[in-house]
Amino acid sequence: MWTMEQLVERVSAALAAEYPGAPNGRVREVPDRRSIRWYTTIGLVDRPLGTRGRTVLYGPRHLLQLVAIKRQQAAGLTLAEIQAALSGASEDTLATVARVPEDLLATATPPAATTPRAQFWKASPTQSDAPAQQAADSAPGSTRRALAATLAGLPPAPSSADLITGVPLGGGVVLLLPRHVTDLDRDDIAEAAQPLLDLLASRGLTDGRTA
């Protein structure tokens, strides 16, 4: 998993090889923090995988989504058109559009194997160690208590129920759902939502555009 800064660096590296640039000055060539948060809000980019302390974490699917968005923008598509094409897209579809090198999709490399340490926690303390162990266990600021407090403060692992997908309905209206949808789902939802869109349009609550 990567921090937002690491994610942006990988987006920049993926676009460096073949990217003609944004079609106008209003679109950033590489998304910044604000753009990524906005894409997440409207469902173009998945919510973060979780947090480490106060640091938000992202993964390979987020990289594919962001690079695919920038490539579509470079091709002249509007954000609404990109929403219609990429919202809830599979990773295979995103990979085809984004063309991200495999090495950039790889997460952090695990450390090289080293000589295993002696499993000291399995060994019984010697007689000479016993008094020191008892003192450590009974000390108010003992390592054991500090470790327990640290573990208790860790945030829960993210679940699939925390993910939200945006389904563009037209007129700038986006429906937020707690799971990914298929193309068939999207068509049925769009048809069922037409009366609501007509009401919103009659009251001037849409941007006047169609999907």
Protein backbone atom coordinates (compact mmCIF):
# COMPACT_ATOMS: atom_id res chain seq x y z
CA MET A 1 0.00 0.00 0.00
CA TRP A 2 1.11 3.58 -0.67
CA THR A 3 0.60 7.01 0.86
CA MET A 4 -1.08 9.68 -1.25
CA GLU A 5 2.32 11.22 -2.06
CA GLN A 6 3.64 7.85 -3.26
CA LEU A 7 0.47 7.30 -5.30
CA VAL A 8 0.89 10.68 -7.06
CA GLU A 9 4.54 9.85 -7.81
CA ARG A 10 3.51 6.58 -9.47
CA VAL A 11 0.79 8.33 -11.49
CA SER A 12 3.41 10.81 -12.73
CA ALA A 13 5.82 8.00 -13.62
CA ALA A 14 3.10 6.08 -15.49
CA LEU A 15 2.13 9.14 -17.54
CA ALA A 16 5.71 10.19 -18.28
CA ALA A 17 6.23 7.64 -21.05
CA GLU A 18 3.17 8.42 -23.19
CA TYR A 19 0.99 11.34 -22.23
CA PRO A 20 0.33 14.28 -24.58
CA GLY A 21 -0.82 16.47 -21.72
CA ALA A 22 -4.15 17.93 -20.69
CA PRO A 23 -6.27 19.45 -23.48
CA ASN A 24 -6.68 22.75 -21.63
CA GLY A 25 -5.10 24.65 -18.77
CA ARG A 26 -7.98 23.93 -16.39
CA VAL A 27 -7.06 20.26 -16.04
CA ARG A 28 -3.99 19.33 -14.01
CA GLU A 29 -1.60 17.00 -15.87
CA VAL A 30 -0.97 15.08 -12.61
CA PRO A 31 -3.77 14.99 -10.01
CA ASP A 32 -3.08 16.64 -6.67
CA ARG A 33 -4.57 15.80 -3.26
CA ARG A 34 -7.68 17.90 -3.89
CA SER A 35 -8.34 16.25 -7.27
CA ILE A 36 -7.96 12.75 -5.83
CA ARG A 37 -10.38 13.55 -3.00
CA TRP A 38 -12.88 14.96 -5.51
CA TYR A 39 -12.61 11.90 -7.77
CA THR A 40 -13.27 9.75 -4.70
CA THR A 41 -16.33 11.82 -3.75
CA ILE A 42 -17.95 11.41 -7.18
CA GLY A 43 -17.13 7.69 -7.38
CA LEU A 44 -14.45 7.81 -10.09
CA VAL A 45 -11.81 6.60 -7.63
CA ASP A 46 -12.40 4.04 -4.87
CA ARG A 47 -12.16 5.07 -1.24
CA PRO A 48 -8.74 4.48 0.41
CA LEU A 49 -7.85 0.97 1.54
CA GLY A 50 -7.42 2.15 5.12
CA THR A 51 -5.17 4.23 7.32
CA ARG A 52 -1.90 3.86 9.18
CA GLY A 53 -2.20 6.28 12.07
CA ARG A 54 -3.28 9.50 10.31
CA THR A 55 -1.86 8.44 6.92
CA VAL A 56 -4.36 7.37 4.24
CA LEU A 57 -3.31 4.31 2.21
CA TYR A 58 -3.93 3.43 -1.46
CA GLY A 59 -3.30 0.42 -3.72
CA PRO A 60 -2.81 -0.61 -7.38
CA ARG A 61 -6.50 -0.17 -8.34
CA HIS A 62 -6.33 3.50 -7.31
CA LEU A 63 -3.26 3.93 -9.56
CA LEU A 64 -5.09 2.36 -12.51
CA GLN A 65 -8.13 4.58 -11.95
CA LEU A 66 -6.15 7.83 -11.77
CA VAL A 67 -3.98 7.10 -14.81
CA ALA A 68 -7.04 6.01 -16.80
CA ILE A 69 -8.81 9.28 -15.91
CA LYS A 70 -5.83 11.38 -17.08
CA ARG A 71 -5.50 9.42 -20.33
CA GLN A 72 -9.21 9.91 -21.05
CA GLN A 73 -8.93 13.61 -20.30
CA ALA A 74 -5.93 13.86 -22.63
CA ALA A 75 -8.11 12.27 -25.32
CA GLY A 76 -10.59 15.13 -24.91
CA LEU A 77 -13.31 13.44 -22.84
CA THR A 78 -15.21 15.44 -20.25
CA LEU A 79 -15.36 14.33 -16.63
CA ALA A 80 -19.02 13.33 -17.12
CA GLU A 81 -18.08 11.15 -20.09
CA ILE A 82 -15.25 9.57 -18.11
CA GLN A 83 -17.69 8.87 -15.25
CA ALA A 84 -20.03 7.08 -17.66
CA ALA A 85 -17.17 5.00 -19.04
CA LEU A 86 -15.13 4.18 -15.93
CA SER A 87 -17.38 4.27 -12.85
CA GLY A 88 -17.33 0.76 -11.40
CA ALA A 89 -15.05 -0.51 -14.19
CA SER A 90 -13.23 -3.81 -13.70
CA GLU A 91 -9.47 -3.88 -13.19
CA ASP A 92 -9.04 -5.44 -16.65
CA THR A 93 -10.86 -2.50 -18.23
CA LEU A 94 -8.87 0.02 -16.20
CA ALA A 95 -5.59 -1.71 -17.09
CA THR A 96 -6.45 -1.55 -20.81
CA VAL A 97 -7.16 2.18 -20.64
CA ALA A 98 -4.38 3.14 -18.22
CA ARG A 99 -1.50 1.07 -19.68
CA VAL A 100 0.47 1.27 -16.43
CA PRO A 101 3.84 -0.59 -16.42
CA GLU A 102 3.80 -3.69 -14.25
CA ASP A 103 6.69 -2.49 -12.09
CA LEU A 104 4.67 0.55 -10.99
CA LEU A 105 1.73 -1.64 -9.97
CA ALA A 106 3.92 -3.69 -7.64
CA THR A 107 3.47 -2.78 -3.99
CA ALA A 108 6.38 -2.39 -1.60
CA THR A 109 8.93 -5.21 -1.90
CA PRO A 110 9.16 -7.31 1.27
CA PRO A 111 12.53 -7.23 3.02
CA ALA A 112 15.08 -9.87 2.07
CA ALA A 113 15.17 -12.99 4.19
CA THR A 114 17.58 -12.86 7.08
CA THR A 115 18.81 -15.38 9.61
CA PRO A 116 15.86 -16.05 11.91
CA ARG A 117 16.21 -14.73 15.41
CA ALA A 118 16.06 -17.03 18.37
CA GLN A 119 12.46 -17.34 19.57
CA PHE A 120 13.26 -16.05 23.02
CA TRP A 121 9.59 -15.77 23.99
CA LYS A 122 9.27 -19.57 23.86
CA ALA A 123 12.20 -20.21 26.20
CA SER A 124 11.67 -20.40 29.92
CA PRO A 125 13.53 -17.66 31.82
CA THR A 126 16.60 -18.79 33.70
CA GLN A 127 16.74 -18.41 37.44
CA SER A 128 18.90 -15.32 37.13
CA ASP A 129 16.41 -13.76 34.71
CA ALA A 130 13.35 -14.40 36.88
CA PRO A 131 13.71 -11.39 39.26
CA ALA A 132 14.26 -9.00 36.35
CA GLN A 133 11.25 -10.45 34.49
CA GLN A 134 9.03 -10.09 37.54
CA ALA A 135 10.13 -6.49 38.00
CA ALA A 136 9.42 -5.68 34.35
CA ASP A 137 5.96 -7.26 34.49
CA SER A 138 5.02 -5.34 37.62
CA ALA A 139 6.45 -1.95 36.54
CA PRO A 140 3.71 0.67 35.82
CA GLY A 141 5.24 1.58 32.44
CA SER A 142 6.15 -1.95 31.39
CA THR A 143 6.70 -2.81 27.75
CA ARG A 144 3.85 -5.29 27.87
CA ARG A 145 1.30 -2.67 28.90
CA ALA A 146 2.63 -0.16 26.35
CA LEU A 147 2.28 -2.75 23.57
CA ALA A 148 -1.29 -3.59 24.63
CA ALA A 149 -2.22 0.10 24.63
CA THR A 150 -0.73 0.56 21.15
CA LEU A 151 -2.64 -2.41 19.73
CA ALA A 152 -5.89 -1.18 21.26
CA GLY A 153 -5.46 2.17 19.53
CA LEU A 154 -5.00 0.77 16.02
CA PRO A 155 -7.92 1.48 13.60
CA PRO A 156 -9.99 -1.51 12.43
CA ALA A 157 -9.18 -3.01 9.06
CA PRO A 158 -11.34 -1.62 6.24
CA SER A 159 -14.15 -3.83 4.98
CA SER A 160 -15.87 -4.02 1.63
CA ALA A 161 -18.88 -2.36 3.27
CA ASP A 162 -16.84 0.87 3.55
CA LEU A 163 -16.43 1.18 -0.24
CA ILE A 164 -18.78 3.43 -2.21
CA THR A 165 -19.29 3.48 -6.00
CA GLY A 166 -20.75 6.43 -7.89
CA VAL A 167 -23.23 5.81 -10.73
CA PRO A 168 -23.69 8.89 -12.98
CA LEU A 169 -27.38 9.42 -13.81
CA GLY A 170 -26.98 12.41 -16.11
CA GLY A 171 -27.32 16.12 -15.53
CA GLY A 172 -24.38 16.03 -13.13
CA VAL A 173 -26.32 13.78 -10.71
CA VAL A 174 -24.31 10.89 -9.22
CA LEU A 175 -25.91 8.04 -7.22
CA LEU A 176 -23.63 6.65 -4.48
CA LEU A 177 -23.91 2.89 -3.81
CA PRO A 178 -22.08 0.69 -1.26
CA ARG A 179 -20.74 -1.74 -3.92
CA HIS A 180 -19.59 -1.96 -7.53
CA VAL A 181 -22.26 -2.34 -10.19
CA THR A 182 -22.37 -4.08 -13.58
CA ASP A 183 -23.25 -2.41 -16.88
CA LEU A 184 -26.70 -4.07 -16.69
CA ASP A 185 -27.23 -2.67 -13.17
CA ARG A 186 -26.27 0.80 -14.39
CA ASP A 187 -28.76 0.67 -17.30
CA ASP A 188 -31.61 -0.45 -15.02
CA ILE A 189 -30.75 2.19 -12.40
CA ALA A 190 -30.60 4.95 -15.03
CA GLU A 191 -34.03 3.94 -16.39
CA ALA A 192 -35.60 3.78 -12.92
CA ALA A 193 -34.09 7.14 -11.95
CA GLN A 194 -35.52 9.07 -14.93
CA PRO A 195 -38.58 10.43 -13.05
CA LEU A 196 -36.28 11.73 -10.30
CA LEU A 197 -33.99 13.36 -12.88
CA ASP A 198 -36.99 15.02 -14.55
CA LEU A 199 -38.07 16.44 -11.17
CA LEU A 200 -34.57 17.70 -10.37
CA ALA A 201 -34.24 19.26 -13.83
CA SER A 202 -37.62 21.02 -13.50
CA ARG A 203 -36.38 22.66 -10.31
CA GLY A 204 -33.02 23.65 -11.75
CA LEU A 205 -31.07 21.20 -9.60
CA THR A 206 -29.04 19.62 -12.43
CA ASP A 207 -26.35 21.07 -14.70
CA GLY A 208 -28.57 20.66 -17.77
CA ARG A 209 -26.39 18.04 -19.44
CA THR A 210 -27.31 14.47 -20.32
CA ALA A 211 -25.18 11.41 -19.46
